[in-house]
């Protein structure tokens, strides 16, 4: 389990523009991760 305030692990995701890795944003002041469960569904 990740503790609050700890560094997030690196991961990669497939997007419509190709693969994006969390490490691609290293050095940026702020990065916001948002997860929408069941996005693009009728739920």
PDB file of N, CA and C in Angstrom:
ATOM      1  N   UNK A   1       0.844  -1.182   0.000  1.00  0.00           N
ATOM      2  CA  UNK A   1       0.000   0.000   0.000  1.00  0.00           C
ATOM      3  C   UNK A   1       0.890   1.247   0.000  1.00  0.00           C
ATOM      4  N   UNK A   2       0.485   2.251  -0.730  1.00  0.00           N
ATOM      5  CA  UNK A   2       1.229   3.510  -0.798  1.00  0.00           C
ATOM      6  C   UNK A   2       0.762   4.414   0.330  1.00  0.00           C
ATOM      7  N   UNK A   3       1.690   4.922   1.091  1.00  0.00           N
ATOM      8  CA  UNK A   3       1.388   5.839   2.188  1.00  0.00           C
ATOM      9  C   UNK A   3       1.128   7.245   1.650  1.00  0.00           C
ATOM     10  N   UNK A   4       0.255   7.977   2.295  1.00  0.00           N
ATOM     11  CA  UNK A   4      -0.002   9.368   1.927  1.00  0.00           C
ATOM     12  C   UNK A   4       1.293  10.162   2.033  1.00  0.00           C
ATOM     13  N   UNK A   5       1.597  10.925   1.011  1.00  0.00           N
ATOM     14  CA  UNK A   5       2.790  11.756   0.990  1.00  0.00           C
ATOM     15  C   UNK A   5       4.020  11.064   0.441  1.00  0.00           C
ATOM     16  N   UNK A   6       3.926   9.767   0.167  1.00  0.00           N
ATOM     17  CA  UNK A   6       5.084   9.059  -0.384  1.00  0.00           C
ATOM     18  C   UNK A   6       5.144   9.254  -1.902  1.00  0.00           C
ATOM     19  N   UNK A   7       6.304   8.945  -2.479  1.00  0.00           N
ATOM     20  CA  UNK A   7       6.489   9.101  -3.919  1.00  0.00           C
ATOM     21  C   UNK A   7       5.709   8.012  -4.656  1.00  0.00           C
ATOM     22  N   UNK A   8       5.011   8.403  -5.690  1.00  0.00           N
ATOM     23  CA  UNK A   8       4.221   7.446  -6.481  1.00  0.00           C
ATOM     24  C   UNK A   8       5.156   6.590  -7.334  1.00  0.00           C
ATOM     25  N   UNK A   9       4.823   5.318  -7.518  1.00  0.00           N
ATOM     26  CA  UNK A   9       5.651   4.457  -8.376  1.00  0.00           C
ATOM     27  C   UNK A   9       5.468   4.834  -9.851  1.00  0.00           C
ATOM     28  N   UNK A  10       6.478   4.525 -10.651  1.00  0.00           N
ATOM     29  CA  UNK A  10       6.376   4.791 -12.085  1.00  0.00           C
ATOM     30  C   UNK A  10       5.448   3.760 -12.731  1.00  0.00           C
ATOM     31  N   UNK A  11       4.697   4.177 -13.741  1.00  0.00           N
ATOM     32  CA  UNK A  11       3.819   3.285 -14.497  1.00  0.00           C
ATOM     33  C   UNK A  11       3.608   3.883 -15.873  1.00  0.00           C
ATOM     34  N   UNK A  12       3.150   3.059 -16.806  1.00  0.00           N
ATOM     35  CA  UNK A  12       2.884   3.500 -18.175  1.00  0.00           C
ATOM     36  C   UNK A  12       1.459   3.143 -18.550  1.00  0.00           C
ATOM     37  N   UNK A  13       0.836   3.988 -19.369  1.00  0.00           N
ATOM     38  CA  UNK A  13      -0.530   3.775 -19.824  1.00  0.00           C
ATOM     39  C   UNK A  13      -0.617   4.009 -21.325  1.00  0.00           C
ATOM     40  N   UNK A  14      -1.444   3.234 -21.985  1.00  0.00           N
ATOM     41  CA  UNK A  14      -1.702   3.412 -23.417  1.00  0.00           C
ATOM     42  C   UNK A  14      -2.760   4.497 -23.569  1.00  0.00           C
ATOM     43  N   UNK A  15      -2.484   5.489 -24.400  1.00  0.00           N
ATOM     44  CA  UNK A  15      -3.448   6.551 -24.677  1.00  0.00           C
ATOM     45  C   UNK A  15      -3.721   6.595 -26.171  1.00  0.00           C
ATOM     46  N   UNK A  16      -4.617   7.440 -26.583  1.00  0.00           N
ATOM     47  CA  UNK A  16      -4.895   7.588 -28.015  1.00  0.00           C
ATOM     48  C   UNK A  16      -3.706   8.207 -28.747  1.00  0.00           C
ATOM     49  N   UNK A  17      -2.782   8.831 -28.004  1.00  0.00           N
ATOM     50  CA  UNK A  17      -1.582   9.441 -28.585  1.00  0.00           C
ATOM     51  C   UNK A  17      -0.344   8.568 -28.426  1.00  0.00           C
ATOM     52  N   UNK A  18      -0.486   7.365 -27.903  1.00  0.00           N
ATOM     53  CA  UNK A  18       0.655   6.476 -27.668  1.00  0.00           C
ATOM     54  C   UNK A  18       0.805   6.173 -26.187  1.00  0.00           C
ATOM     55  N   UNK A  19       1.961   5.657 -25.812  1.00  0.00           N
ATOM     56  CA  UNK A  19       2.217   5.285 -24.426  1.00  0.00           C
ATOM     57  C   UNK A  19       2.749   6.499 -23.668  1.00  0.00           C
ATOM     58  N   UNK A  20       2.213   6.720 -22.466  1.00  0.00           N
ATOM     59  CA  UNK A  20       2.654   7.802 -21.595  1.00  0.00           C
ATOM     60  C   UNK A  20       3.085   7.181 -20.273  1.00  0.00           C
ATOM     61  N   UNK A  21       4.257   7.582 -19.783  1.00  0.00           N
ATOM     62  CA  UNK A  21       4.760   7.102 -18.505  1.00  0.00           C
ATOM     63  C   UNK A  21       4.691   8.217 -17.477  1.00  0.00           C
ATOM     64  N   UNK A  22       4.454   7.833 -16.246  1.00  0.00           N
ATOM     65  CA  UNK A  22       4.417   8.805 -15.162  1.00  0.00           C
ATOM     66  C   UNK A  22       5.760   9.526 -15.056  1.00  0.00           C
ATOM     67  N   UNK A  23       6.850   8.815 -15.327  1.00  0.00           N
ATOM     68  CA  UNK A  23       8.182   9.419 -15.248  1.00  0.00           C
ATOM     69  C   UNK A  23       8.385  10.509 -16.304  1.00  0.00           C
ATOM     70  N   UNK A  24       7.539  10.547 -17.348  1.00  0.00           N
ATOM     71  CA  UNK A  24       7.619  11.613 -18.359  1.00  0.00           C
ATOM     72  C   UNK A  24       7.364  12.982 -17.738  1.00  0.00           C
ATOM     73  N   UNK A  25       6.715  13.008 -16.591  1.00  0.00           N
ATOM     74  CA  UNK A  25       6.346  14.263 -15.945  1.00  0.00           C
ATOM     75  C   UNK A  25       7.294  14.634 -14.807  1.00  0.00           C
ATOM     76  N   UNK A  26       8.380  13.870 -14.642  1.00  0.00           N
ATOM     77  CA  UNK A  26       9.343  14.151 -13.585  1.00  0.00           C
ATOM     78  C   UNK A  26       9.913  15.542 -13.784  1.00  0.00           C
ATOM     79  N   UNK A  27       9.987  16.307 -12.714  1.00  0.00           N
ATOM     80  CA  UNK A  27      10.499  17.667 -12.777  1.00  0.00           C
ATOM     81  C   UNK A  27       9.404  18.714 -12.901  1.00  0.00           C
ATOM     82  N   UNK A  28       8.178  18.297 -13.223  1.00  0.00           N
ATOM     83  CA  UNK A  28       7.063  19.236 -13.246  1.00  0.00           C
ATOM     84  C   UNK A  28       6.631  19.499 -11.808  1.00  0.00           C
ATOM     85  N   UNK A  29       6.205  20.698 -11.536  1.00  0.00           N
ATOM     86  CA  UNK A  29       5.842  21.054 -10.162  1.00  0.00           C
ATOM     87  C   UNK A  29       4.621  20.279  -9.683  1.00  0.00           C
ATOM     88  N   UNK A  30       3.590  20.188 -10.501  1.00  0.00           N
ATOM     89  CA  UNK A  30       2.356  19.509 -10.097  1.00  0.00           C
ATOM     90  C   UNK A  30       1.893  18.555 -11.193  1.00  0.00           C
ATOM     91  N   UNK A  31       1.451  17.389 -10.779  1.00  0.00           N
ATOM     92  CA  UNK A  31       0.857  16.410 -11.688  1.00  0.00           C
ATOM     93  C   UNK A  31      -0.409  15.894 -11.011  1.00  0.00           C
ATOM     94  N   UNK A  32      -1.520  15.936 -11.717  1.00  0.00           N
ATOM     95  CA  UNK A  32      -2.785  15.455 -11.166  1.00  0.00           C
ATOM     96  C   UNK A  32      -3.203  14.185 -11.913  1.00  0.00           C
ATOM     97  N   UNK A  33      -3.476  13.140 -11.164  1.00  0.00           N
ATOM     98  CA  UNK A  33      -3.960  11.890 -11.731  1.00  0.00           C
ATOM     99  C   UNK A  33      -5.435  11.758 -11.398  1.00  0.00           C
ATOM    100  N   UNK A  34      -6.245  11.505 -12.409  1.00  0.00           N
ATOM    101  CA  UNK A  34      -7.688  11.376 -12.215  1.00  0.00           C
ATOM    102  C   UNK A  34      -8.137  10.054 -12.809  1.00  0.00           C
ATOM    103  N   UNK A  35      -8.922   9.326 -12.068  1.00  0.00           N
ATOM    104  CA  UNK A  35      -9.458   8.045 -12.534  1.00  0.00           C
ATOM    105  C   UNK A  35     -10.979   8.136 -12.522  1.00  0.00           C
ATOM    106  N   UNK A  36     -11.592   7.885 -13.652  1.00  0.00           N
ATOM    107  CA  UNK A  36     -13.045   7.889 -13.789  1.00  0.00           C
ATOM    108  C   UNK A  36     -13.525   6.467 -13.990  1.00  0.00           C
ATOM    109  N   UNK A  37     -13.907   5.765 -12.932  1.00  0.00           N
ATOM    110  CA  UNK A  37     -14.419   4.414 -13.141  1.00  0.00           C
ATOM    111  C   UNK A  37     -15.718   4.463 -13.939  1.00  0.00           C
ATOM    112  N   UNK A  38     -15.825   3.550 -14.871  1.00  0.00           N
ATOM    113  CA  UNK A  38     -17.006   3.414 -15.724  1.00  0.00           C
ATOM    114  C   UNK A  38     -17.250   4.651 -16.602  1.00  0.00           C
ATOM    115  N   UNK A  39     -16.175   5.405 -16.887  1.00  0.00           N
ATOM    116  CA  UNK A  39     -16.325   6.545 -17.784  1.00  0.00           C
ATOM    117  C   UNK A  39     -16.715   6.041 -19.175  1.00  0.00           C
ATOM    118  N   UNK A  40     -17.490   6.785 -19.886  1.00  0.00           N
ATOM    119  CA  UNK A  40     -17.997   6.467 -21.221  1.00  0.00           C
ATOM    120  C   UNK A  40     -18.982   5.285 -21.191  1.00  0.00           C
ATOM    121  N   UNK A  41     -19.640   5.093 -20.055  1.00  0.00           N
ATOM    122  CA  UNK A  41     -20.665   4.071 -19.964  1.00  0.00           C
ATOM    123  C   UNK A  41     -21.973   4.718 -19.533  1.00  0.00           C
ATOM    124  N   UNK A  42     -23.039   3.990 -19.608  1.00  0.00           N
ATOM    125  CA  UNK A  42     -24.342   4.510 -19.198  1.00  0.00           C
ATOM    126  C   UNK A  42     -24.560   4.508 -17.695  1.00  0.00           C
ATOM    127  N   UNK A  43     -23.569   4.040 -16.943  1.00  0.00           N
ATOM    128  CA  UNK A  43     -23.707   3.955 -15.478  1.00  0.00           C
ATOM    129  C   UNK A  43     -23.584   5.306 -14.842  1.00  0.00           C
TER     130      UNK A  43
END
